[in-house]
Amino acid sequence: MERLVAKGAEADLYLTEWNGLRAIRKVRKPKKYRHPELDRQLTRTRTNHEADITQRAKQFGVSTPLLYSVDNERGVIVMEYIDGIKIRDLVDQLDDDERYKLFNRIGYYAGQLHKSGIIHGDLTTSNIIKSGERIVFIDFGLSEVNFEVEKRGVDLNLMNRMLTSTHYKYQEDLLAAFKKGYRASMGEEADEALKRMNEVSMRGRYIEKN
């Protein structure tokens, strides 16, 4: 017996069972406004792409859900159910030291993603889960392989915006911890990406004011 646990613009998530294990079944939804053949092609490409990048991240030391089954034709990925708590919901439960250590680790793994050429595309505390000692990055549906500084800056700005809007009480400390971890992972490349993050943030504020 499976049940719907989340509805998204691109896909729905179902809690299900796979060979006796709890699992998540991600189903990409057909878009009626697209030509059927084009829709099938995009579904195949995007499903395969998400599965590939999820695996690529794992190869570079970033914990992601195990993939149990990938059906490109139907746009379905069955993956490990991560039994844990989203970072978004965990922040307020921790003390200052725990929060700092957690975001230092998150920054480090974000750096590992960028170092490997992976742009997450939705790098927020809603897409990272703490499961025991594991820090698991999820939902690579918007991800891409790209080494451009601009893309890295946009990715980092998503995290910064999340900290500012949702975790504003701790934003300064969490961002400092994140940056420290990111620099430890990225080395010399970190400064350029973080500088671009600030530029992207300033551009966003300028657009909002106008």
Protein backbone atom coordinates (compact mmCIF):
# COMPACT_ATOMS: atom_id res chain seq x y z
CA MET A 1 0.00 0.00 0.00
CA GLU A 2 1.56 3.29 -1.03
CA ARG A 3 0.57 6.83 -0.18
CA LEU A 4 1.21 10.25 -1.66
CA VAL A 5 3.63 12.22 0.54
CA ALA A 6 4.40 15.25 -1.65
CA LYS A 7 3.10 16.90 -4.80
CA GLY A 8 5.42 18.99 -6.94
CA ALA A 9 5.23 20.92 -10.18
CA GLU A 10 7.29 18.29 -12.00
CA ALA A 11 6.75 15.12 -9.99
CA ASP A 12 4.81 13.48 -7.17
CA LEU A 13 6.40 11.43 -4.36
CA TYR A 14 4.86 8.27 -2.95
CA LEU A 15 5.90 6.30 0.12
CA THR A 16 5.94 2.68 -0.99
CA GLU A 17 7.66 -0.67 -0.47
CA TRP A 18 10.45 -2.17 -2.57
CA ASN A 19 11.51 -5.76 -1.89
CA GLY A 20 10.57 -5.42 1.76
CA LEU A 21 12.17 -1.98 2.18
CA ARG A 22 10.45 1.36 2.65
CA ALA A 23 11.07 3.41 -0.46
CA ILE A 24 10.13 6.60 -2.26
CA ARG A 25 8.62 6.37 -5.72
CA LYS A 26 9.10 9.60 -7.69
CA VAL A 27 6.75 9.90 -10.65
CA ARG A 28 7.16 12.62 -13.26
CA LYS A 29 3.79 13.93 -14.38
CA PRO A 30 2.88 14.24 -18.09
CA LYS A 31 2.41 17.82 -19.26
CA LYS A 32 -0.74 18.11 -21.34
CA TYR A 33 0.36 21.40 -22.90
CA ARG A 34 3.34 19.64 -24.54
CA HIS A 35 3.24 17.50 -27.67
CA PRO A 36 3.04 13.86 -26.45
CA GLU A 37 6.24 12.77 -28.20
CA LEU A 38 8.17 15.79 -26.93
CA ASP A 39 6.82 15.12 -23.45
CA ARG A 40 8.00 11.50 -23.61
CA GLN A 41 11.45 12.56 -24.77
CA LEU A 42 11.79 15.16 -22.01
CA THR A 43 10.57 12.66 -19.40
CA ARG A 44 13.15 10.09 -20.52
CA THR A 45 15.98 12.63 -20.60
CA ARG A 46 15.19 14.27 -17.26
CA THR A 47 14.62 10.98 -15.44
CA ASN A 48 17.90 9.57 -16.70
CA HIS A 49 19.70 12.85 -15.95
CA GLU A 50 18.46 12.96 -12.35
CA ALA A 51 19.47 9.35 -11.75
CA ASP A 52 22.94 9.92 -13.25
CA ILE A 53 23.65 13.01 -11.15
CA THR A 54 22.37 11.35 -7.97
CA GLN A 55 24.90 8.59 -8.59
CA ARG A 56 27.66 11.03 -9.58
CA ALA A 57 27.28 12.90 -6.29
CA LYS A 58 27.73 9.65 -4.39
CA GLN A 59 30.97 8.95 -6.26
CA PHE A 60 32.36 12.25 -4.94
CA GLY A 61 31.56 11.50 -1.32
CA VAL A 62 28.15 13.18 -0.99
CA SER A 63 25.44 10.99 0.54
CA THR A 64 22.35 10.67 -1.67
CA PRO A 65 19.47 8.16 -1.67
CA LEU A 66 20.25 4.72 -3.06
CA LEU A 67 18.47 4.14 -6.36
CA TYR A 68 16.51 0.90 -6.57
CA SER A 69 14.88 1.26 -9.98
CA VAL A 70 14.85 3.75 -12.86
CA ASP A 71 12.13 3.58 -15.53
CA ASN A 72 12.96 6.26 -18.12
CA GLU A 73 9.93 5.52 -20.29
CA ARG A 74 7.43 6.09 -17.49
CA GLY A 75 9.48 8.74 -15.69
CA VAL A 76 9.65 6.78 -12.45
CA ILE A 77 12.55 6.52 -9.99
CA VAL A 78 12.27 4.24 -6.95
CA MET A 79 14.81 5.18 -4.31
CA GLU A 80 15.79 4.71 -0.68
CA TYR A 81 13.48 6.23 1.90
CA ILE A 82 15.65 8.45 4.11
CA ASP A 83 14.44 8.06 7.69
CA GLY A 84 15.45 11.37 9.21
CA ILE A 85 14.54 15.02 9.56
CA LYS A 86 14.90 17.80 7.02
CA ILE A 87 17.47 20.41 8.01
CA ARG A 88 14.74 23.04 7.59
CA ASP A 89 12.86 21.45 10.50
CA LEU A 90 15.93 20.59 12.58
CA VAL A 91 17.64 23.97 12.95
CA ASP A 92 15.48 25.22 15.83
CA GLN A 93 16.00 22.00 17.81
CA LEU A 94 19.78 22.35 18.04
CA ASP A 95 22.04 24.41 20.25
CA ASP A 96 24.53 26.92 18.80
CA ASP A 97 27.43 24.47 18.70
CA GLU A 98 25.39 21.72 17.05
CA ARG A 99 24.05 24.15 14.45
CA TYR A 100 27.56 25.37 13.63
CA LYS A 101 28.96 21.86 13.22
CA LEU A 102 25.99 20.82 11.08
CA PHE A 103 26.26 23.74 8.67
CA ASN A 104 30.02 23.35 8.50
CA ARG A 105 29.39 19.80 7.21
CA ILE A 106 26.67 20.96 4.85
CA GLY A 107 29.02 23.59 3.40
CA TYR A 108 31.72 20.97 2.96
CA TYR A 109 29.40 18.64 1.03
CA ALA A 110 28.07 21.54 -1.07
CA GLY A 111 31.70 22.18 -1.99
CA GLN A 112 32.14 18.53 -2.94
CA LEU A 113 29.15 18.83 -5.27
CA HIS A 114 30.54 21.94 -6.96
CA LYS A 115 34.04 20.48 -7.12
CA SER A 116 32.63 17.49 -9.00
CA GLY A 117 30.78 19.81 -11.41
CA ILE A 118 27.33 19.28 -9.92
CA ILE A 119 25.02 22.28 -9.58
CA HIS A 120 22.16 21.16 -7.34
CA GLY A 121 19.65 23.68 -8.68
CA ASP A 122 17.61 23.81 -5.47
CA LEU A 123 20.22 23.95 -2.74
CA THR A 124 18.10 24.65 0.33
CA THR A 125 17.61 23.20 3.80
CA SER A 126 14.42 21.56 2.50
CA ASN A 127 16.51 19.28 0.29
CA ILE A 128 18.99 18.06 2.89
CA ILE A 129 18.09 15.42 5.49
CA LYS A 130 19.95 14.40 8.65
CA SER A 131 19.57 10.67 9.20
CA GLY A 132 21.68 9.59 12.16
CA GLU A 133 25.18 10.72 11.27
CA ARG A 134 24.36 10.90 7.55
CA ILE A 135 23.78 14.24 5.85
CA VAL A 136 21.78 13.28 2.77
CA PHE A 137 21.22 15.56 -0.22
CA ILE A 138 17.97 14.85 -2.07
CA ASP A 139 15.99 16.00 -5.13
CA PHE A 140 18.39 16.44 -8.03
CA GLY A 141 15.53 17.09 -10.45
CA LEU A 142 16.82 20.60 -11.32
CA SER A 143 20.50 19.71 -11.21
CA GLU A 144 23.08 19.93 -13.98
CA VAL A 145 26.74 19.26 -14.60
CA ASN A 146 28.43 22.65 -14.91
CA PHE A 147 31.71 24.13 -13.67
CA GLU A 148 30.80 27.81 -14.29
CA VAL A 149 31.33 30.23 -11.41
CA GLU A 150 28.01 31.93 -12.18
CA LYS A 151 26.11 28.68 -11.71
CA ARG A 152 27.90 28.01 -8.46
CA GLY A 153 27.07 31.52 -7.25
CA VAL A 154 23.39 31.05 -8.06
CA ASP A 155 23.37 27.71 -6.22
CA LEU A 156 25.00 29.24 -3.15
CA ASN A 157 22.62 32.20 -3.24
CA LEU A 158 19.68 29.79 -2.96
CA MET A 159 21.09 28.53 0.32
CA ASN A 160 21.80 32.08 1.52
CA ARG A 161 18.24 33.16 0.69
CA MET A 162 16.85 30.17 2.59
CA LEU A 163 18.95 31.06 5.63
CA THR A 164 17.79 34.69 5.43
CA SER A 165 14.09 33.93 4.99
CA THR A 166 13.58 30.77 7.06
CA HIS A 167 16.45 30.66 9.55
CA TYR A 168 16.93 34.41 9.97
CA LYS A 169 17.57 34.15 13.73
CA TYR A 170 20.78 32.25 13.05
CA GLN A 171 21.53 33.41 9.49
CA GLU A 172 24.89 35.05 10.19
CA ASP A 173 26.33 32.14 12.18
CA LEU A 174 24.95 29.48 9.85
CA LEU A 175 26.31 31.22 6.76
CA ALA A 176 29.72 31.59 8.40
CA ALA A 177 29.77 27.87 9.25
CA PHE A 178 28.61 26.97 5.74
CA LYS A 179 31.30 29.14 4.14
CA LYS A 180 34.03 27.61 6.31
CA GLY A 181 33.03 24.11 5.27
CA TYR A 182 32.69 25.15 1.64
CA ARG A 183 36.20 26.64 1.64
CA ALA A 184 37.64 23.52 3.27
CA SER A 185 36.18 21.47 0.43
CA MET A 186 36.69 23.78 -2.55
CA GLY A 187 40.05 25.29 -1.69
CA GLU A 188 41.08 28.29 -3.80
CA GLU A 189 37.98 28.05 -6.01
CA ALA A 190 35.71 28.84 -3.07
CA ASP A 191 36.40 32.57 -2.87
CA GLU A 192 35.37 33.21 -6.46
CA ALA A 193 32.12 31.27 -6.05
CA LEU A 194 31.27 33.00 -2.75
CA LYS A 195 32.03 36.39 -4.28
CA ARG A 196 29.64 35.54 -7.13
CA MET A 197 27.02 34.50 -4.56
CA ASN A 198 27.16 38.04 -3.13
CA GLU A 199 26.89 39.55 -6.62
CA VAL A 200 23.86 37.39 -7.44
CA SER A 201 22.27 38.43 -4.15
CA MET A 202 22.83 42.12 -4.91
CA ARG A 203 21.36 41.73 -8.39
CA GLY A 204 18.26 40.13 -6.86
CA ARG A 205 17.80 43.01 -4.43
CA TYR A 206 18.18 45.55 -7.23
CA ILE A 207 15.48 43.81 -9.29
CA GLU A 208 13.13 43.64 -6.28
CA LYS A 209 13.52 47.38 -5.64
CA ASN A 210 12.74 48.19 -9.24
